[in-house]
């Protein structure tokens, strides 16, 4: 099953190594594939389990983001990762 959730990131310093590392570590706990998508004029996407890919997305606090999870625990993964993003800064 595929689930998609719109999320926001409120980190004034961007999605740098610390928040990206926390996100990827949590994403690795799910069997589902996790993709983080940055919408906009030049959309970008990354494997949510790959720290370097996440950091290369250059996410700022004003970016529109989506978490897409595909697999048996997709619903749980999206909900928990969405909640995690609220606390990252």
Protein backbone atom coordinates (compact mmCIF):
# COMPACT_ATOMS: atom_id res chain seq x y z
CA UNK A 1 0.00 0.00 0.00
CA UNK A 2 1.25 3.51 -0.84
CA UNK A 3 0.59 6.42 1.51
CA UNK A 4 1.49 10.07 0.90
CA UNK A 5 1.55 12.81 3.55
CA UNK A 6 2.26 16.52 3.18
CA UNK A 7 4.73 17.64 5.84
CA UNK A 8 6.46 20.80 6.94
CA UNK A 9 9.95 21.38 8.28
CA UNK A 10 10.47 24.36 10.56
CA UNK A 11 14.24 24.31 10.95
CA UNK A 12 15.61 27.81 10.44
CA UNK A 13 19.05 26.35 9.65
CA UNK A 14 17.78 23.97 6.98
CA UNK A 15 17.62 20.20 6.81
CA UNK A 16 21.30 19.72 7.65
CA UNK A 17 23.16 16.64 8.91
CA UNK A 18 21.53 16.35 12.34
CA UNK A 19 17.84 16.46 11.32
CA UNK A 20 18.51 14.48 8.13
CA UNK A 21 20.35 11.85 10.19
CA UNK A 22 17.48 11.57 12.67
CA UNK A 23 14.98 11.24 9.82
CA UNK A 24 16.97 8.57 7.94
CA UNK A 25 17.61 6.58 11.13
CA UNK A 26 13.87 6.50 11.89
CA UNK A 27 13.00 5.71 8.25
CA UNK A 28 15.29 2.66 8.37
CA UNK A 29 13.11 1.14 11.11
CA UNK A 30 10.30 0.53 8.60
CA UNK A 31 10.12 -2.23 6.01
CA UNK A 32 8.33 0.16 3.61
CA UNK A 33 10.27 2.20 1.10
CA UNK A 34 10.34 5.85 2.18
CA UNK A 35 10.71 8.73 -0.27
CA UNK A 36 10.93 12.39 0.69
CA UNK A 37 9.82 14.76 -2.07
CA UNK A 38 10.53 18.50 -2.21
CA UNK A 39 7.90 20.15 -4.40
CA UNK A 40 8.41 23.35 -6.33
CA UNK A 41 9.78 24.66 -9.62
CA UNK A 42 12.57 22.09 -9.55
CA UNK A 43 11.18 19.15 -7.59
CA UNK A 44 13.65 16.83 -5.90
CA UNK A 45 13.25 13.46 -4.25
CA UNK A 46 15.41 11.24 -2.11
CA UNK A 47 15.37 7.83 -0.54
CA UNK A 48 14.39 8.63 3.05
CA UNK A 49 16.79 5.98 4.33
CA UNK A 50 19.85 7.57 2.66
CA UNK A 51 21.39 10.42 4.65
CA UNK A 52 23.48 11.86 1.82
CA UNK A 53 20.52 11.96 -0.58
CA UNK A 54 18.44 13.80 2.03
CA UNK A 55 21.16 16.38 2.64
CA UNK A 56 21.57 17.03 -1.10
CA UNK A 57 17.91 18.08 -1.34
CA UNK A 58 18.78 21.47 0.21
CA UNK A 59 15.52 21.66 2.18
CA UNK A 60 14.64 25.03 3.71
CA UNK A 61 11.92 25.83 6.22
CA UNK A 62 9.62 27.24 3.54
CA UNK A 63 9.70 24.19 1.24
CA UNK A 64 6.65 22.06 0.53
CA UNK A 65 7.50 18.44 1.35
CA UNK A 66 5.81 15.08 0.95
CA UNK A 67 6.60 11.74 2.55
CA UNK A 68 5.68 8.77 0.39
CA UNK A 69 5.78 5.33 1.98
CA UNK A 70 5.12 2.12 0.09
CA UNK A 71 4.81 -1.20 1.87
CA UNK A 72 3.16 -3.13 4.68
CA UNK A 73 3.81 -0.49 7.37
CA UNK A 74 3.36 2.56 5.12
CA UNK A 75 0.53 4.11 7.12
CA UNK A 76 2.47 3.88 10.39
CA UNK A 77 5.69 5.10 8.73
CA UNK A 78 4.06 8.20 7.22
CA UNK A 79 2.28 9.13 10.43
CA UNK A 80 5.35 8.73 12.62
CA UNK A 81 7.76 10.42 10.21
CA UNK A 82 5.33 13.33 9.78
CA UNK A 83 5.23 13.76 13.56
CA UNK A 84 9.03 13.48 13.74
CA UNK A 85 9.44 16.29 11.18
CA UNK A 86 7.47 18.64 13.44
CA UNK A 87 10.11 18.29 16.14
CA UNK A 88 13.20 18.64 13.96
CA UNK A 89 14.91 22.01 13.78
